[in-house]
Amino acid sequence: MRWAMREVLDGARLLLRGWGYWRRQPRVMALGLVPAAVVGLVVLAAIVLLVMHLGTVAEWLTPFADDWSPTWERTAEVAAQAVVLAAAVVLVVVTFTALTLTVGEPFYDRIWRAVEVTETGTVPAGDTGFWRGAEDGLALMGRGLVVAVLAGTVGIVPVVGTALGWVGGLLLTGWVLAHELTSRALVSRGVPRRERNRLLRAHRRQTIGFGAATQLCFLVPGGAVVTMPAAVAGATLLAHAVLGEGARVSPLTTGLSTDGEKPDQRVIGHP
């Protein structure tokens, strides 16, 4: 048990190391605030709209409680509100991440490159362009929808459902976030999706630790905006951790300048 918890904490510490890049590469990291802030405003508006109508949604979901006593009817409505909110938070976090990664592709590409050259001295040359990012973003939103439905379904369980829905949503969303945030570093090394799944499953505790810590930061008001650059940096470190020695690539020429600028020539590597 202690060993398993240590792995989870190791994953969370990778996010802390990602935060450390605010000190090492402040200019490059600051660029990552732009797309996160734009998408964050849109997502915030959606959340506010939901909260304003949460009571109406809860009433619509609990027609069976209309004939109950006022106390139990209110209890059912409050439980429904908690379940809806838990599912919405899961979906919003994943949607925010997917949209931000897609919209901010050029910004987060620079952060990834800066971390790669700092940690490995080189930058892999695999395809990490806009359309691949958009494809991963759509996949992320699809998984997020599934997790939101699962969290909402678990929340229906009497007494313990609400707590289980929130905890389950946190862990499942953490896994989904970590999976997609690491895709850039893994795809650039030619790692196919099936192999990416295998690598992350082999390090599931560390992966969930990183993802859950990221989501907890996202839940803090304004936290998603300032955390995204650190999450991209930390996810690159997580990819290095699951690859082990395979994270190193063979440089053909010099890699990347430490300020995150693209090099004239890139390097090619494969785990």
C-alpha atoms as a PDB file:
ATOM      1  CA  MET A   1       0.000   0.000   0.000  1.00  0.00           C
ATOM      2  CA  ARG A   2       2.785   2.403   0.928  1.00  0.00           C
ATOM      3  CA  TRP A   3       4.629   1.558  -2.293  1.00  0.00           C
ATOM      4  CA  ALA A   4       1.480   2.183  -4.346  1.00  0.00           C
ATOM      5  CA  MET A   5       0.888   5.543  -2.653  1.00  0.00           C
ATOM      6  CA  ARG A   6       4.496   6.514  -3.337  1.00  0.00           C
ATOM      7  CA  GLU A   7       3.895   5.948  -7.051  1.00  0.00           C
ATOM      8  CA  VAL A   8       0.792   8.141  -6.969  1.00  0.00           C
ATOM      9  CA  LEU A   9       2.756  10.889  -5.218  1.00  0.00           C
ATOM     10  CA  ASP A  10       5.568  10.516  -7.746  1.00  0.00           C
ATOM     11  CA  GLY A  11       3.032  11.307 -10.458  1.00  0.00           C
ATOM     12  CA  ALA A  12       1.799  14.377  -8.578  1.00  0.00           C
ATOM     13  CA  ARG A  13       5.402  15.524  -8.137  1.00  0.00           C
ATOM     14  CA  LEU A  14       5.831  15.520 -11.917  1.00  0.00           C
ATOM     15  CA  LEU A  15       3.186  18.251 -12.066  1.00  0.00           C
ATOM     16  CA  LEU A  16       5.173  20.181  -9.445  1.00  0.00           C
ATOM     17  CA  ARG A  17       8.249  19.835 -11.645  1.00  0.00           C
ATOM     18  CA  GLY A  18       6.130  21.159 -14.495  1.00  0.00           C
ATOM     19  CA  TRP A  19       5.330  24.208 -12.346  1.00  0.00           C
ATOM     20  CA  GLY A  20       9.091  24.644 -11.947  1.00  0.00           C
ATOM     21  CA  TYR A  21       9.302  25.589 -15.626  1.00  0.00           C
ATOM     22  CA  TRP A  22       7.638  28.894 -14.757  1.00  0.00           C
ATOM     23  CA  ARG A  23      10.981  29.765 -13.186  1.00  0.00           C
ATOM     24  CA  ARG A  24      13.167  28.144 -15.847  1.00  0.00           C
ATOM     25  CA  GLN A  25      11.266  29.233 -18.964  1.00  0.00           C
ATOM     26  CA  PRO A  26       8.942  32.081 -17.885  1.00  0.00           C
ATOM     27  CA  ARG A  27       8.505  33.636 -21.339  1.00  0.00           C
ATOM     28  CA  VAL A  28       7.610  30.371 -23.063  1.00  0.00           C
ATOM     29  CA  MET A  29       5.302  29.308 -20.231  1.00  0.00           C
ATOM     30  CA  ALA A  30       3.529  32.679 -20.219  1.00  0.00           C
ATOM     31  CA  LEU A  31       2.537  32.157 -23.860  1.00  0.00           C
ATOM     32  CA  GLY A  32       0.524  29.155 -22.722  1.00  0.00           C
ATOM     33  CA  LEU A  33      -1.772  31.437 -20.734  1.00  0.00           C
ATOM     34  CA  VAL A  34      -3.265  32.973 -23.881  1.00  0.00           C
ATOM     35  CA  PRO A  35      -5.291  30.041 -25.275  1.00  0.00           C
ATOM     36  CA  ALA A  36      -6.146  28.817 -21.769  1.00  0.00           C
ATOM     37  CA  ALA A  37      -7.587  32.221 -20.844  1.00  0.00           C
ATOM     38  CA  VAL A  38      -9.692  32.448 -24.026  1.00  0.00           C
ATOM     39  CA  VAL A  39     -11.136  28.948 -23.678  1.00  0.00           C
ATOM     40  CA  GLY A  40     -11.480  29.410 -19.914  1.00  0.00           C
ATOM     41  CA  LEU A  41     -13.834  32.367 -20.379  1.00  0.00           C
ATOM     42  CA  VAL A  42     -16.084  30.330 -22.669  1.00  0.00           C
ATOM     43  CA  VAL A  43     -16.119  27.348 -20.295  1.00  0.00           C
ATOM     44  CA  LEU A  44     -16.762  29.612 -17.294  1.00  0.00           C
ATOM     45  CA  ALA A  45     -19.785  31.098 -19.030  1.00  0.00           C
ATOM     46  CA  ALA A  46     -21.144  27.589 -19.631  1.00  0.00           C
ATOM     47  CA  ILE A  47     -20.644  26.616 -15.973  1.00  0.00           C
ATOM     48  CA  VAL A  48     -22.327  29.792 -14.722  1.00  0.00           C
ATOM     49  CA  LEU A  49     -25.279  29.121 -17.027  1.00  0.00           C
ATOM     50  CA  LEU A  50     -25.588  25.579 -15.692  1.00  0.00           C
ATOM     51  CA  VAL A  51     -25.412  26.673 -12.050  1.00  0.00           C
ATOM     52  CA  MET A  52     -28.097  29.289 -12.652  1.00  0.00           C
ATOM     53  CA  HIS A  53     -30.440  26.583 -13.932  1.00  0.00           C
ATOM     54  CA  LEU A  54     -29.263  23.735 -11.686  1.00  0.00           C
ATOM     55  CA  GLY A  55     -32.483  23.774  -9.654  1.00  0.00           C
ATOM     56  CA  THR A  56     -34.619  23.455 -12.780  1.00  0.00           C
ATOM     57  CA  VAL A  57     -32.469  20.582 -14.062  1.00  0.00           C
ATOM     58  CA  ALA A  58     -32.744  18.793 -10.699  1.00  0.00           C
ATOM     59  CA  GLU A  59     -36.537  19.147 -10.686  1.00  0.00           C
ATOM     60  CA  TRP A  60     -36.694  17.744 -14.212  1.00  0.00           C
ATOM     61  CA  LEU A  61     -34.598  14.746 -13.138  1.00  0.00           C
ATOM     62  CA  THR A  62     -36.630  13.939 -10.012  1.00  0.00           C
ATOM     63  CA  PRO A  63     -40.326  13.789 -11.033  1.00  0.00           C
ATOM     64  CA  PHE A  64     -40.602  10.599  -8.975  1.00  0.00           C
ATOM     65  CA  ALA A  65     -40.135  12.670  -5.793  1.00  0.00           C
ATOM     66  CA  ASP A  66     -43.120  14.967  -6.388  1.00  0.00           C
ATOM     67  CA  ASP A  67     -45.350  12.935  -4.078  1.00  0.00           C
ATOM     68  CA  TRP A  68     -42.738  12.605  -1.336  1.00  0.00           C
ATOM     69  CA  SER A  69     -42.668  14.689   1.819  1.00  0.00           C
ATOM     70  CA  PRO A  70     -41.059  18.146   1.346  1.00  0.00           C
ATOM     71  CA  THR A  71     -37.925  17.065   3.230  1.00  0.00           C
ATOM     72  CA  TRP A  72     -37.296  13.968   1.112  1.00  0.00           C
ATOM     73  CA  GLU A  73     -38.254  15.749  -2.083  1.00  0.00           C
ATOM     74  CA  ARG A  74     -35.682  18.438  -1.333  1.00  0.00           C
ATOM     75  CA  THR A  75     -33.092  15.771  -0.456  1.00  0.00           C
ATOM     76  CA  ALA A  76     -33.631  14.076  -3.823  1.00  0.00           C
ATOM     77  CA  GLU A  77     -33.286  17.381  -5.654  1.00  0.00           C
ATOM     78  CA  VAL A  78     -30.069  18.288  -3.819  1.00  0.00           C
ATOM     79  CA  ALA A  79     -28.617  14.850  -4.592  1.00  0.00           C
ATOM     80  CA  ALA A  80     -29.567  15.289  -8.246  1.00  0.00           C
ATOM     81  CA  GLN A  81     -27.891  18.691  -8.309  1.00  0.00           C
ATOM     82  CA  ALA A  82     -24.680  17.193  -6.871  1.00  0.00           C
ATOM     83  CA  VAL A  83     -24.695  14.391  -9.443  1.00  0.00           C
ATOM     84  CA  VAL A  84     -25.291  16.788 -12.347  1.00  0.00           C
ATOM     85  CA  LEU A  85     -22.573  19.111 -11.089  1.00  0.00           C
ATOM     86  CA  ALA A  86     -20.082  16.239 -10.694  1.00  0.00           C
ATOM     87  CA  ALA A  87     -20.745  15.044 -14.241  1.00  0.00           C
ATOM     88  CA  ALA A  88     -20.579  18.610 -15.571  1.00  0.00           C
ATOM     89  CA  VAL A  89     -17.239  19.251 -13.847  1.00  0.00           C
ATOM     90  CA  VAL A  90     -15.785  16.114 -15.425  1.00  0.00           C
ATOM     91  CA  LEU A  91     -17.025  17.100 -18.867  1.00  0.00           C
ATOM     92  CA  VAL A  92     -15.956  20.736 -18.488  1.00  0.00           C
ATOM     93  CA  VAL A  93     -12.427  19.848 -17.361  1.00  0.00           C
ATOM     94  CA  VAL A  94     -11.915  17.466 -20.264  1.00  0.00           C
ATOM     95  CA  THR A  95     -13.543  19.810 -22.783  1.00  0.00           C
ATOM     96  CA  PHE A  96     -11.450  22.712 -21.527  1.00  0.00           C
ATOM     97  CA  THR A  97      -8.256  20.682 -21.922  1.00  0.00           C
ATOM     98  CA  ALA A  98      -9.191  19.394 -25.385  1.00  0.00           C
ATOM     99  CA  LEU A  99     -10.163  22.823 -26.726  1.00  0.00           C
ATOM    100  CA  THR A 100      -7.173  24.530 -25.139  1.00  0.00           C
ATOM    101  CA  LEU A 101      -4.690  22.015 -26.550  1.00  0.00           C
ATOM    102  CA  THR A 102      -6.265  22.352 -30.010  1.00  0.00           C
ATOM    103  CA  VAL A 103      -6.502  26.144 -30.039  1.00  0.00           C
ATOM    104  CA  GLY A 104      -3.131  26.610 -28.369  1.00  0.00           C
ATOM    105  CA  GLU A 105      -1.160  24.090 -30.456  1.00  0.00           C
ATOM    106  CA  PRO A 106       1.654  26.538 -31.422  1.00  0.00           C
ATOM    107  CA  PHE A 107       2.009  27.785 -27.834  1.00  0.00           C
ATOM    108  CA  TYR A 108       2.099  24.364 -26.190  1.00  0.00           C
ATOM    109  CA  ASP A 109       4.396  23.032 -28.888  1.00  0.00           C
ATOM    110  CA  ARG A 110       6.984  25.592 -27.756  1.00  0.00           C
ATOM    111  CA  ILE A 111       6.590  24.525 -24.119  1.00  0.00           C
ATOM    112  CA  TRP A 112       6.988  20.868 -25.066  1.00  0.00           C
ATOM    113  CA  ARG A 113      10.112  21.651 -27.097  1.00  0.00           C
ATOM    114  CA  ALA A 114      11.633  23.644 -24.252  1.00  0.00           C
ATOM    115  CA  VAL A 115      11.096  20.754 -21.824  1.00  0.00           C
ATOM    116  CA  GLU A 116      12.452  18.184 -24.293  1.00  0.00           C
ATOM    117  CA  VAL A 117      15.691  20.052 -24.881  1.00  0.00           C
ATOM    118  CA  THR A 118      16.135  20.777 -21.173  1.00  0.00           C
ATOM    119  CA  GLU A 119      15.552  17.173 -20.120  1.00  0.00           C
ATOM    120  CA  THR A 120      16.993  15.210 -23.064  1.00  0.00           C
ATOM    121  CA  GLY A 121      19.019  17.753 -25.041  1.00  0.00           C
ATOM    122  CA  THR A 122      17.084  17.065 -28.258  1.00  0.00           C
ATOM    123  CA  VAL A 123      13.623  17.308 -29.813  1.00  0.00           C
ATOM    124  CA  PRO A 124      11.974  14.264 -31.459  1.00  0.00           C
ATOM    125  CA  ALA A 125      10.860  14.788 -35.046  1.00  0.00           C
ATOM    126  CA  GLY A 126       7.541  12.919 -35.111  1.00  0.00           C
ATOM    127  CA  ASP A 127       4.303  14.447 -36.377  1.00  0.00           C
ATOM    128  CA  THR A 128       2.758  16.654 -33.662  1.00  0.00           C
ATOM    129  CA  GLY A 129       0.991  19.188 -35.886  1.00  0.00           C
ATOM    130  CA  PHE A 130      -2.400  20.897 -35.640  1.00  0.00           C
ATOM    131  CA  TRP A 131      -4.513  18.132 -37.176  1.00  0.00           C
ATOM    132  CA  ARG A 132      -3.038  15.468 -34.943  1.00  0.00           C
ATOM    133  CA  GLY A 133      -3.726  17.740 -31.982  1.00  0.00           C
ATOM    134  CA  ALA A 134      -7.302  18.254 -33.186  1.00  0.00           C
ATOM    135  CA  GLU A 135      -7.762  14.487 -33.534  1.00  0.00           C
ATOM    136  CA  ASP A 136      -6.493  13.911 -29.999  1.00  0.00           C
ATOM    137  CA  GLY A 137      -8.720  16.733 -28.762  1.00  0.00           C
ATOM    138  CA  LEU A 138     -11.833  15.083 -30.225  1.00  0.00           C
ATOM    139  CA  ALA A 139     -10.801  11.752 -28.722  1.00  0.00           C
ATOM    140  CA  LEU A 140     -10.356  13.450 -25.363  1.00  0.00           C
ATOM    141  CA  MET A 141     -13.823  15.000 -25.494  1.00  0.00           C
ATOM    142  CA  GLY A 142     -15.324  11.628 -26.417  1.00  0.00           C
ATOM    143  CA  ARG A 143     -13.670   9.952 -23.433  1.00  0.00           C
ATOM    144  CA  GLY A 144     -14.696  12.849 -21.227  1.00  0.00           C
ATOM    145  CA  LEU A 145     -18.337  12.355 -22.212  1.00  0.00           C
ATOM    146  CA  VAL A 146     -18.112   8.663 -21.298  1.00  0.00           C
ATOM    147  CA  VAL A 147     -16.534   9.496 -17.917  1.00  0.00           C
ATOM    148  CA  ALA A 148     -19.190  12.146 -17.245  1.00  0.00           C
ATOM    149  CA  VAL A 149     -21.959   9.620 -17.921  1.00  0.00           C
ATOM    150  CA  LEU A 150     -20.269   7.055 -15.659  1.00  0.00           C
ATOM    151  CA  ALA A 151     -19.814   9.603 -12.863  1.00  0.00           C
ATOM    152  CA  GLY A 152     -23.450  10.623 -13.155  1.00  0.00           C
ATOM    153  CA  THR A 153     -24.617   6.997 -13.148  1.00  0.00           C
ATOM    154  CA  VAL A 154     -22.575   6.137 -10.055  1.00  0.00           C
ATOM    155  CA  GLY A 155     -23.989   9.219  -8.372  1.00  0.00           C
ATOM    156  CA  ILE A 156     -27.471   7.699  -8.486  1.00  0.00           C
ATOM    157  CA  VAL A 157     -26.456   5.061  -5.915  1.00  0.00           C
ATOM    158  CA  PRO A 158     -28.256   5.909  -2.645  1.00  0.00           C
ATOM    159  CA  VAL A 159     -26.289   7.392   0.297  1.00  0.00           C
ATOM    160  CA  VAL A 160     -22.740   6.945  -1.051  1.00  0.00           C
ATOM    161  CA  GLY A 161     -23.437   7.715  -4.706  1.00  0.00           C
ATOM    162  CA  THR A 162     -22.576  11.411  -4.656  1.00  0.00           C
ATOM    163  CA  ALA A 163     -19.195  10.863  -2.978  1.00  0.00           C
ATOM    164  CA  LEU A 164     -18.385   7.921  -5.239  1.00  0.00           C
ATOM    165  CA  GLY A 165     -19.351   9.964  -8.288  1.00  0.00           C
ATOM    166  CA  TRP A 166     -16.975  12.781  -7.351  1.00  0.00           C
ATOM    167  CA  VAL A 167     -14.078  10.486  -6.429  1.00  0.00           C
ATOM    168  CA  GLY A 168     -14.617   8.243  -9.436  1.00  0.00           C
ATOM    169  CA  GLY A 169     -14.870  11.270 -11.704  1.00  0.00           C
ATOM    170  CA  LEU A 170     -11.617  12.649 -10.292  1.00  0.00           C
ATOM    171  CA  LEU A 171      -9.686   9.419 -10.869  1.00  0.00           C
ATOM    172  CA  LEU A 172     -11.132   8.628 -14.287  1.00  0.00           C
ATOM    173  CA  THR A 173     -10.737  12.187 -15.524  1.00  0.00           C
ATOM    174  CA  GLY A 174      -7.184  12.214 -14.189  1.00  0.00           C
ATOM    175  CA  TRP A 175      -6.419   9.145 -16.287  1.00  0.00           C
ATOM    176  CA  VAL A 176      -7.980  10.672 -19.410  1.00  0.00           C
ATOM    177  CA  LEU A 177      -6.138  13.979 -18.932  1.00  0.00           C
ATOM    178  CA  ALA A 178      -2.787  12.271 -18.421  1.00  0.00           C
ATOM    179  CA  HIS A 179      -3.346  10.064 -21.467  1.00  0.00           C
ATOM    180  CA  GLU A 180      -3.972  12.970 -23.808  1.00  0.00           C
ATOM    181  CA  LEU A 181      -1.472  15.406 -22.299  1.00  0.00           C
ATOM    182  CA  THR A 182       1.337  12.871 -22.788  1.00  0.00           C
ATOM    183  CA  SER A 183       0.357  12.182 -26.400  1.00  0.00           C
ATOM    184  CA  ARG A 184       2.581  14.923 -27.864  1.00  0.00           C
ATOM    185  CA  ALA A 185       5.791  13.562 -26.339  1.00  0.00           C
ATOM    186  CA  LEU A 186       4.885   9.960 -27.174  1.00  0.00           C
ATOM    187  CA  VAL A 187       3.590  10.553 -30.707  1.00  0.00           C
ATOM    188  CA  SER A 188       6.705  12.550 -31.551  1.00  0.00           C
ATOM    189  CA  ARG A 189       8.712   9.391 -30.811  1.00  0.00           C
ATOM    190  CA  GLY A 190       6.566   7.300 -33.119  1.00  0.00           C
ATOM    191  CA  VAL A 191       4.656   5.531 -30.328  1.00  0.00           C
ATOM    192  CA  PRO A 192       1.251   4.345 -31.673  1.00  0.00           C
ATOM    193  CA  ARG A 193      -1.926   4.745 -29.595  1.00  0.00           C
ATOM    194  CA  ARG A 194      -2.063   1.085 -28.568  1.00  0.00           C
ATOM    195  CA  GLU A 195       1.500   1.212 -27.275  1.00  0.00           C
ATOM    196  CA  ARG A 196       0.762   4.505 -25.498  1.00  0.00           C
ATOM    197  CA  ASN A 197      -2.111   2.778 -23.713  1.00  0.00           C
ATOM    198  CA  ARG A 198       0.147  -0.100 -22.699  1.00  0.00           C
ATOM    199  CA  LEU A 199       2.878   2.183 -21.363  1.00  0.00           C
ATOM    200  CA  LEU A 200       0.489   4.241 -19.274  1.00  0.00           C
ATOM    201  CA  ARG A 201      -1.295   1.161 -17.922  1.00  0.00           C
ATOM    202  CA  ALA A 202       2.083  -0.213 -16.854  1.00  0.00           C
ATOM    203  CA  HIS A 203       2.562   3.014 -14.848  1.00  0.00           C
ATOM    204  CA  ARG A 204      -1.107   3.532 -13.947  1.00  0.00           C
ATOM    205  CA  ARG A 205      -0.560   4.786 -10.392  1.00  0.00           C
ATOM    206  CA  GLN A 206       1.952   7.384 -11.459  1.00  0.00           C
ATOM    207  CA  THR A 207      -0.281   8.365 -14.375  1.00  0.00           C
ATOM    208  CA  ILE A 208      -3.368   8.736 -12.180  1.00  0.00           C
ATOM    209  CA  GLY A 209      -1.350  10.679  -9.591  1.00  0.00           C
ATOM    210  CA  PHE A 210      -0.300  13.190 -12.213  1.00  0.00           C
ATOM    211  CA  GLY A 211      -3.758  13.411 -13.793  1.00  0.00           C
ATOM    212  CA  ALA A 212      -5.655  13.716 -10.506  1.00  0.00           C
ATOM    213  CA  ALA A 213      -3.282  16.434  -9.263  1.00  0.00           C
ATOM    214  CA  THR A 214      -3.801  18.301 -12.531  1.00  0.00           C
ATOM    215  CA  GLN A 215      -7.567  18.086 -12.271  1.00  0.00           C
ATOM    216  CA  LEU A 216      -7.539  19.274  -8.646  1.00  0.00           C
ATOM    217  CA  CYS A 217      -5.606  22.348  -9.795  1.00  0.00           C
ATOM    218  CA  PHE A 218      -8.173  22.846 -12.548  1.00  0.00           C
ATOM    219  CA  LEU A 219     -10.977  22.911  -9.961  1.00  0.00           C
ATOM    220  CA  VAL A 220      -9.493  25.959  -8.209  1.00  0.00           C
ATOM    221  CA  PRO A 221     -11.044  29.166  -9.620  1.00  0.00           C
ATOM    222  CA  GLY A 222      -8.683  30.392 -12.323  1.00  0.00           C
ATOM    223  CA  GLY A 223      -6.452  27.382 -11.711  1.00  0.00           C
ATOM    224  CA  ALA A 224      -7.058  25.800 -15.104  1.00  0.00           C
ATOM    225  CA  VAL A 225      -5.603  28.801 -16.936  1.00  0.00           C
ATOM    226  CA  VAL A 226      -2.348  29.006 -14.992  1.00  0.00           C
ATOM    227  CA  THR A 227      -2.006  25.233 -14.667  1.00  0.00           C
ATOM    228  CA  MET A 228      -2.211  24.335 -18.372  1.00  0.00           C
ATOM    229  CA  PRO A 229       1.385  25.349 -19.211  1.00  0.00           C
ATOM    230  CA  ALA A 230       2.642  23.437 -16.158  1.00  0.00           C
ATOM    231  CA  ALA A 231       0.466  20.443 -17.099  1.00  0.00           C
ATOM    232  CA  VAL A 232       1.981  20.345 -20.603  1.00  0.00           C
ATOM    233  CA  ALA A 233       5.485  20.481 -19.117  1.00  0.00           C
ATOM    234  CA  GLY A 234       4.673  17.901 -16.449  1.00  0.00           C
ATOM    235  CA  ALA A 235       3.049  15.556 -18.981  1.00  0.00           C
ATOM    236  CA  THR A 236       6.244  15.631 -21.028  1.00  0.00           C
ATOM    237  CA  LEU A 237       8.136  14.570 -17.902  1.00  0.00           C
ATOM    238  CA  LEU A 238       5.560  11.823 -17.320  1.00  0.00           C
ATOM    239  CA  ALA A 239       6.096  10.564 -20.867  1.00  0.00           C
ATOM    240  CA  HIS A 240       9.840  10.453 -20.196  1.00  0.00           C
ATOM    241  CA  ALA A 241       9.192   8.492 -16.992  1.00  0.00           C
ATOM    242  CA  VAL A 242       7.034   5.808 -18.643  1.00  0.00           C
ATOM    243  CA  LEU A 243       9.461   5.476 -21.556  1.00  0.00           C
ATOM    244  CA  GLY A 244      12.547   5.181 -19.352  1.00  0.00           C
ATOM    245  CA  GLU A 245      15.636   4.989 -21.526  1.00  0.00           C
ATOM    246  CA  GLY A 246      13.382   5.142 -24.577  1.00  0.00           C
ATOM    247  CA  ALA A 247      12.836   8.827 -23.885  1.00  0.00           C
ATOM    248  CA  ARG A 248      16.296   9.555 -25.232  1.00  0.00           C
ATOM    249  CA  VAL A 249      16.565  10.191 -28.955  1.00  0.00           C
ATOM    250  CA  SER A 250      19.643  10.136 -31.121  1.00  0.00           C
ATOM    251  CA  PRO A 251      20.521  13.703 -32.168  1.00  0.00           C
ATOM    252  CA  LEU A 252      21.371  14.268 -35.801  1.00  0.00           C
ATOM    253  CA  THR A 253      22.271  17.890 -35.167  1.00  0.00           C
ATOM    254  CA  THR A 254      21.875  20.391 -32.383  1.00  0.00           C
ATOM    255  CA  GLY A 255      18.426  20.444 -30.844  1.00  0.00           C
ATOM    256  CA  LEU A 256      16.588  23.470 -29.546  1.00  0.00           C
ATOM    257  CA  SER A 257      17.628  26.717 -27.970  1.00  0.00           C
ATOM    258  CA  THR A 258      16.724  27.020 -24.292  1.00  0.00           C
ATOM    259  CA  ASP A 259      14.259  29.848 -24.932  1.00  0.00           C
ATOM    260  CA  GLY A 260      11.974  27.441 -26.795  1.00  0.00           C
ATOM    261  CA  GLU A 261      12.653  28.615 -30.371  1.00  0.00           C
ATOM    262  CA  LYS A 262      12.398  26.008 -33.105  1.00  0.00           C
ATOM    263  CA  PRO A 263      15.726  24.681 -34.368  1.00  0.00           C
ATOM    264  CA  ASP A 264      16.736  24.731 -38.020  1.00  0.00           C
ATOM    265  CA  GLN A 265      16.983  20.948 -37.973  1.00  0.00           C
ATOM    266  CA  ARG A 266      15.259  18.438 -35.774  1.00  0.00           C
ATOM    267  CA  VAL A 267      16.106  15.030 -34.441  1.00  0.00           C
ATOM    268  CA  ILE A 268      14.592  11.653 -34.970  1.00  0.00           C
ATOM    269  CA  GLY A 269      14.064   9.047 -32.308  1.00  0.00           C
ATOM    270  CA  HIS A 270      12.009   6.031 -31.374  1.00  0.00           C
ATOM    271  CA  PRO A 271      11.638   4.279 -28.039  1.00  0.00           C
END
